[in-house]
Amino acid sequence: MLESITYYNIGGIPFIVYLGIIAIILFIAAAYTGYKNKPIKIHKGLAIGGIVFAAVHFLLAILAYI
């Protein structure tokens, strides 16, 4: 069942790739807000969002092979 979710094609690209792209964009945005001295609330929110997307990305990748 997880394989069907993990490898569900959206525009010819698997769903798990989109999760990874979103996670890396959120991490880059969090780093940028920290660099530009934006409010810590925004920085923290982006970092937590990145961690959540990365965790789901990781779990789907690992559980697809179990």
PDB file of N, CA and C in Angstrom:
ATOM      1  N   MET A   1       0.812  -1.184   0.000  1.00  0.00           N
ATOM      2  CA  MET A   1       0.000   0.000   0.000  1.00  0.00           C
ATOM      3  C   MET A   1       0.868   1.266   0.000  1.00  0.00           C
ATOM      4  N   LEU A   2       1.911   1.287   0.810  1.00  0.00           N
ATOM      5  CA  LEU A   2       2.762   2.473   0.854  1.00  0.00           C
ATOM      6  C   LEU A   2       3.497   2.696  -0.456  1.00  0.00           C
ATOM      7  N   GLU A   3       3.773   1.618  -1.168  1.00  0.00           N
ATOM      8  CA  GLU A   3       4.434   1.774  -2.468  1.00  0.00           C
ATOM      9  C   GLU A   3       3.543   2.537  -3.439  1.00  0.00           C
ATOM     10  N   SER A   4       2.241   2.296  -3.373  1.00  0.00           N
ATOM     11  CA  SER A   4       1.337   3.000  -4.281  1.00  0.00           C
ATOM     12  C   SER A   4       1.276   4.491  -3.953  1.00  0.00           C
ATOM     13  N   ILE A   5       1.399   4.843  -2.681  1.00  0.00           N
ATOM     14  CA  ILE A   5       1.429   6.258  -2.296  1.00  0.00           C
ATOM     15  C   ILE A   5       2.782   6.861  -2.640  1.00  0.00           C
ATOM     16  N   THR A   6       3.846   6.158  -2.290  1.00  0.00           N
ATOM     17  CA  THR A   6       5.199   6.670  -2.481  1.00  0.00           C
ATOM     18  C   THR A   6       5.507   6.909  -3.948  1.00  0.00           C
ATOM     19  N   TYR A   7       5.134   5.969  -4.783  1.00  0.00           N
ATOM     20  CA  TYR A   7       5.485   6.055  -6.196  1.00  0.00           C
ATOM     21  C   TYR A   7       4.329   6.532  -7.071  1.00  0.00           C
ATOM     22  N   TYR A   8       3.316   7.174  -6.474  1.00  0.00           N
ATOM     23  CA  TYR A   8       2.204   7.731  -7.241  1.00  0.00           C
ATOM     24  C   TYR A   8       2.738   8.851  -8.137  1.00  0.00           C
ATOM     25  N   ASN A   9       2.532   8.714  -9.433  1.00  0.00           N
ATOM     26  CA  ASN A   9       3.080   9.683 -10.388  1.00  0.00           C
ATOM     27  C   ASN A   9       2.191  10.908 -10.511  1.00  0.00           C
ATOM     28  N   ILE A  10       2.821  12.054 -10.368  1.00  0.00           N
ATOM     29  CA  ILE A  10       2.167  13.341 -10.596  1.00  0.00           C
ATOM     30  C   ILE A  10       3.000  14.041 -11.651  1.00  0.00           C
ATOM     31  N   GLY A  11       2.487  14.131 -12.840  1.00  0.00           N
ATOM     32  CA  GLY A  11       3.241  14.741 -13.928  1.00  0.00           C
ATOM     33  C   GLY A  11       4.460  13.930 -14.316  1.00  0.00           C
ATOM     34  N   GLY A  12       4.406  12.629 -14.111  1.00  0.00           N
ATOM     35  CA  GLY A  12       5.515  11.760 -14.483  1.00  0.00           C
ATOM     36  C   GLY A  12       6.609  11.658 -13.436  1.00  0.00           C
ATOM     37  N   ILE A  13       6.421  12.319 -12.289  1.00  0.00           N
ATOM     38  CA  ILE A  13       7.423  12.287 -11.221  1.00  0.00           C
ATOM     39  C   ILE A  13       6.766  11.688  -9.979  1.00  0.00           C
ATOM     40  N   PRO A  14       7.441  10.762  -9.282  1.00  0.00           N
ATOM     41  CA  PRO A  14       6.848  10.148  -8.091  1.00  0.00           C
ATOM     42  C   PRO A  14       6.569  11.167  -6.978  1.00  0.00           C
ATOM     43  N   PHE A  15       5.556  10.881  -6.191  1.00  0.00           N
ATOM     44  CA  PHE A  15       5.129  11.744  -5.087  1.00  0.00           C
ATOM     45  C   PHE A  15       6.260  12.006  -4.098  1.00  0.00           C
ATOM     46  N   ILE A  16       7.082  11.006  -3.842  1.00  0.00           N
ATOM     47  CA  ILE A  16       8.160  11.142  -2.868  1.00  0.00           C
ATOM     48  C   ILE A  16       9.178  12.198  -3.297  1.00  0.00           C
ATOM     49  N   VAL A  17       9.356  12.376  -4.585  1.00  0.00           N
ATOM     50  CA  VAL A  17      10.283  13.405  -5.079  1.00  0.00           C
ATOM     51  C   VAL A  17       9.742  14.792  -4.744  1.00  0.00           C
ATOM     52  N   TYR A  18       8.437  14.976  -4.913  1.00  0.00           N
ATOM     53  CA  TYR A  18       7.836  16.263  -4.565  1.00  0.00           C
ATOM     54  C   TYR A  18       7.996  16.565  -3.080  1.00  0.00           C
ATOM     55  N   LEU A  19       7.831  15.552  -2.229  1.00  0.00           N
ATOM     56  CA  LEU A  19       8.031  15.767  -0.794  1.00  0.00           C
ATOM     57  C   LEU A  19       9.457  16.208  -0.498  1.00  0.00           C
ATOM     58  N   GLY A  20      10.419  15.583  -1.146  1.00  0.00           N
ATOM     59  CA  GLY A  20      11.816  15.954  -0.952  1.00  0.00           C
ATOM     60  C   GLY A  20      12.105  17.364  -1.429  1.00  0.00           C
ATOM     61  N   ILE A  21      11.519  17.745  -2.560  1.00  0.00           N
ATOM     62  CA  ILE A  21      11.722  19.094  -3.092  1.00  0.00           C
ATOM     63  C   ILE A  21      11.114  20.136  -2.155  1.00  0.00           C
ATOM     64  N   ILE A  22       9.915  19.868  -1.659  1.00  0.00           N
ATOM     65  CA  ILE A  22       9.279  20.802  -0.726  1.00  0.00           C
ATOM     66  C   ILE A  22      10.108  20.931   0.545  1.00  0.00           C
ATOM     67  N   ALA A  23      10.621  19.809   1.057  1.00  0.00           N
ATOM     68  CA  ALA A  23      11.437  19.843   2.275  1.00  0.00           C
ATOM     69  C   ALA A  23      12.694  20.679   2.074  1.00  0.00           C
ATOM     70  N   ILE A  24      13.390  20.488   0.973  1.00  0.00           N
ATOM     71  CA  ILE A  24      14.631  21.238   0.751  1.00  0.00           C
ATOM     72  C   ILE A  24      14.344  22.721   0.527  1.00  0.00           C
ATOM     73  N   ILE A  25      13.229  23.044  -0.125  1.00  0.00           N
ATOM     74  CA  ILE A  25      12.860  24.456  -0.303  1.00  0.00           C
ATOM     75  C   ILE A  25      12.570  25.107   1.048  1.00  0.00           C
ATOM     76  N   LEU A  26      11.875  24.380   1.927  1.00  0.00           N
ATOM     77  CA  LEU A  26      11.595  24.928   3.254  1.00  0.00           C
ATOM     78  C   LEU A  26      12.870  25.113   4.067  1.00  0.00           C
ATOM     79  N   PHE A  27      13.817  24.178   3.963  1.00  0.00           N
ATOM     80  CA  PHE A  27      15.088  24.329   4.678  1.00  0.00           C
ATOM     81  C   PHE A  27      15.881  25.522   4.143  1.00  0.00           C
ATOM     82  N   ILE A  28      15.892  25.695   2.836  1.00  0.00           N
ATOM     83  CA  ILE A  28      16.603  26.841   2.248  1.00  0.00           C
ATOM     84  C   ILE A  28      15.930  28.150   2.670  1.00  0.00           C
ATOM     85  N   ALA A  29      14.601  28.171   2.675  1.00  0.00           N
ATOM     86  CA  ALA A  29      13.880  29.370   3.103  1.00  0.00           C
ATOM     87  C   ALA A  29      14.149  29.673   4.575  1.00  0.00           C
ATOM     88  N   ALA A  30      14.221  28.642   5.414  1.00  0.00           N
ATOM     89  CA  ALA A  30      14.529  28.853   6.833  1.00  0.00           C
ATOM     90  C   ALA A  30      15.934  29.411   6.998  1.00  0.00           C
ATOM     91  N   ALA A  31      16.877  28.890   6.250  1.00  0.00           N
ATOM     92  CA  ALA A  31      18.248  29.402   6.325  1.00  0.00           C
ATOM     93  C   ALA A  31      18.301  30.852   5.850  1.00  0.00           C
ATOM     94  N   TYR A  32      17.557  31.164   4.808  1.00  0.00           N
ATOM     95  CA  TYR A  32      17.542  32.527   4.273  1.00  0.00           C
ATOM     96  C   TYR A  32      16.944  33.509   5.282  1.00  0.00           C
ATOM     97  N   THR A  33      15.851  33.104   5.941  1.00  0.00           N
ATOM     98  CA  THR A  33      15.241  34.001   6.926  1.00  0.00           C
ATOM     99  C   THR A  33      16.164  34.199   8.123  1.00  0.00           C
ATOM    100  N   GLY A  34      16.919  33.181   8.484  1.00  0.00           N
ATOM    101  CA  GLY A  34      17.898  33.344   9.555  1.00  0.00           C
ATOM    102  C   GLY A  34      19.020  34.273   9.147  1.00  0.00           C
ATOM    103  N   TYR A  35      19.432  34.178   7.903  1.00  0.00           N
ATOM    104  CA  TYR A  35      20.513  35.013   7.375  1.00  0.00           C
ATOM    105  C   TYR A  35      20.088  36.476   7.275  1.00  0.00           C
ATOM    106  N   LYS A  36      18.844  36.706   6.886  1.00  0.00           N
ATOM    107  CA  LYS A  36      18.340  38.070   6.690  1.00  0.00           C
ATOM    108  C   LYS A  36      17.738  38.674   7.962  1.00  0.00           C
ATOM    109  N   ASN A  37      17.901  38.007   9.092  1.00  0.00           N
ATOM    110  CA  ASN A  37      17.409  38.495  10.391  1.00  0.00           C
ATOM    111  C   ASN A  37      15.908  38.792  10.381  1.00  0.00           C
ATOM    112  N   LYS A  38      15.154  37.898   9.783  1.00  0.00           N
ATOM    113  CA  LYS A  38      13.697  37.993   9.816  1.00  0.00           C
ATOM    114  C   LYS A  38      13.231  37.519  11.195  1.00  0.00           C
ATOM    115  N   PRO A  39      11.964  37.724  11.527  1.00  0.00           N
ATOM    116  CA  PRO A  39      11.477  37.292  12.847  1.00  0.00           C
ATOM    117  C   PRO A  39      11.679  35.789  13.075  1.00  0.00           C
ATOM    118  N   ILE A  40      12.026  35.452  14.307  1.00  0.00           N
ATOM    119  CA  ILE A  40      12.306  34.055  14.660  1.00  0.00           C
ATOM    120  C   ILE A  40      11.069  33.185  14.469  1.00  0.00           C
ATOM    121  N   LYS A  41       9.886  33.780  14.588  1.00  0.00           N
ATOM    122  CA  LYS A  41       8.635  33.042  14.397  1.00  0.00           C
ATOM    123  C   LYS A  41       8.566  32.459  12.983  1.00  0.00           C
ATOM    124  N   ILE A  42       8.934  33.245  11.995  1.00  0.00           N
ATOM    125  CA  ILE A  42       8.923  32.786  10.601  1.00  0.00           C
ATOM    126  C   ILE A  42       9.998  31.724  10.389  1.00  0.00           C
ATOM    127  N   HIS A  43      11.190  31.989  10.903  1.00  0.00           N
ATOM    128  CA  HIS A  43      12.308  31.052  10.768  1.00  0.00           C
ATOM    129  C   HIS A  43      11.962  29.702  11.397  1.00  0.00           C
ATOM    130  N   LYS A  44      11.411  29.749  12.597  1.00  0.00           N
ATOM    131  CA  LYS A  44      11.054  28.521  13.311  1.00  0.00           C
ATOM    132  C   LYS A  44       9.946  27.756  12.579  1.00  0.00           C
ATOM    133  N   GLY A  45       8.958  28.462  12.065  1.00  0.00           N
ATOM    134  CA  GLY A  45       7.866  27.816  11.335  1.00  0.00           C
ATOM    135  C   GLY A  45       8.344  27.120  10.074  1.00  0.00           C
ATOM    136  N   LEU A  46       9.229  27.776   9.338  1.00  0.00           N
ATOM    137  CA  LEU A  46       9.773  27.167   8.122  1.00  0.00           C
ATOM    138  C   LEU A  46      10.619  25.939   8.454  1.00  0.00           C
ATOM    139  N   ALA A  47      11.404  26.038   9.520  1.00  0.00           N
ATOM    140  CA  ALA A  47      12.246  24.906   9.914  1.00  0.00           C
ATOM    141  C   ALA A  47      11.401  23.714  10.357  1.00  0.00           C
ATOM    142  N   ILE A  48      10.367  23.966  11.140  1.00  0.00           N
ATOM    143  CA  ILE A  48       9.489  22.876  11.586  1.00  0.00           C
ATOM    144  C   ILE A  48       8.768  22.257  10.390  1.00  0.00           C
ATOM    145  N   GLY A  49       8.294  23.084   9.477  1.00  0.00           N
ATOM    146  CA  GLY A  49       7.658  22.565   8.261  1.00  0.00           C
ATOM    147  C   GLY A  49       8.605  21.710   7.452  1.00  0.00           C
ATOM    148  N   GLY A  50       9.852  22.143   7.330  1.00  0.00           N
ATOM    149  CA  GLY A  50      10.859  21.361   6.616  1.00  0.00           C
ATOM    150  C   GLY A  50      11.125  20.025   7.279  1.00  0.00           C
ATOM    151  N   ILE A  51      11.183  20.032   8.607  1.00  0.00           N
ATOM    152  CA  ILE A  51      11.411  18.787   9.343  1.00  0.00           C
ATOM    153  C   ILE A  51      10.245  17.828   9.147  1.00  0.00           C
ATOM    154  N   VAL A  52       9.031  18.347   9.172  1.00  0.00           N
ATOM    155  CA  VAL A  52       7.847  17.490   8.982  1.00  0.00           C
ATOM    156  C   VAL A  52       7.848  16.868   7.586  1.00  0.00           C
ATOM    157  N   PHE A  53       8.073  17.683   6.560  1.00  0.00           N
ATOM    158  CA  PHE A  53       8.102  17.148   5.198  1.00  0.00           C
ATOM    159  C   PHE A  53       9.255  16.163   5.011  1.00  0.00           C
ATOM    160  N   ALA A  54      10.409  16.457   5.603  1.00  0.00           N
ATOM    161  CA  ALA A  54      11.553  15.548   5.487  1.00  0.00           C
ATOM    162  C   ALA A  54      11.276  14.232   6.209  1.00  0.00           C
ATOM    163  N   ALA A  55      10.596  14.293   7.355  1.00  0.00           N
ATOM    164  CA  ALA A  55      10.276  13.074   8.097  1.00  0.00           C
ATOM    165  C   ALA A  55       9.301  12.194   7.313  1.00  0.00           C
ATOM    166  N   VAL A  56       8.290  12.805   6.713  1.00  0.00           N
ATOM    167  CA  VAL A  56       7.337  12.036   5.899  1.00  0.00           C
ATOM    168  C   VAL A  56       8.047  11.457   4.684  1.00  0.00           C
ATOM    169  N   HIS A  57       8.899  12.240   4.057  1.00  0.00           N
ATOM    170  CA  HIS A  57       9.695  11.785   2.914  1.00  0.00           C
ATOM    171  C   HIS A  57      10.547  10.577   3.313  1.00  0.00           C
ATOM    172  N   PHE A  58      11.223  10.673   4.442  1.00  0.00           N
ATOM    173  CA  PHE A  58      12.073   9.589   4.939  1.00  0.00           C
ATOM    174  C   PHE A  58      11.256   8.337   5.254  1.00  0.00           C
ATOM    175  N   LEU A  59      10.156   8.511   5.977  1.00  0.00           N
ATOM    176  CA  LEU A  59       9.344   7.353   6.364  1.00  0.00           C
ATOM    177  C   LEU A  59       8.744   6.643   5.152  1.00  0.00           C
ATOM    178  N   LEU A  60       8.256   7.394   4.185  1.00  0.00           N
ATOM    179  CA  LEU A  60       7.714   6.752   2.984  1.00  0.00           C
ATOM    180  C   LEU A  60       8.801   5.999   2.223  1.00  0.00           C
ATOM    181  N   ALA A  61       9.994   6.572   2.176  1.00  0.00           N
ATOM    182  CA  ALA A  61      11.092   5.909   1.462  1.00  0.00           C
ATOM    183  C   ALA A  61      11.492   4.615   2.157  1.00  0.00           C
ATOM    184  N   ILE A  62      11.601   4.639   3.473  1.00  0.00           N
ATOM    185  CA  ILE A  62      12.017   3.449   4.224  1.00  0.00           C
ATOM    186  C   ILE A  62      10.908   2.395   4.240  1.00  0.00           C
ATOM    187  N   LEU A  63       9.685   2.815   4.530  1.00  0.00           N
ATOM    188  CA  LEU A  63       8.590   1.858   4.670  1.00  0.00           C
ATOM    189  C   LEU A  63       8.155   1.244   3.343  1.00  0.00           C
ATOM    190  N   ALA A  64       8.508   1.843   2.239  1.00  0.00           N
ATOM    191  CA  ALA A  64       8.167   1.270   0.935  1.00  0.00           C
ATOM    192  C   ALA A  64       8.926  -0.028   0.691  1.00  0.00           C
ATOM    193  N   TYR A  65      10.044  -0.201   1.373  1.00  0.00           N
ATOM    194  CA  TYR A  65      10.872  -1.389   1.166  1.00  0.00           C
ATOM    195  C   TYR A  65      10.724  -2.429   2.267  1.00  0.00           C
ATOM    196  N   ILE A  66       9.889  -2.169   3.250  1.00  0.00           N
ATOM    197  CA  ILE A  66       9.689  -3.151   4.337  1.00  0.00           C
ATOM    198  C   ILE A  66       8.481  -4.009   4.034  1.00  0.00           C
TER     199      ILE A  66
END
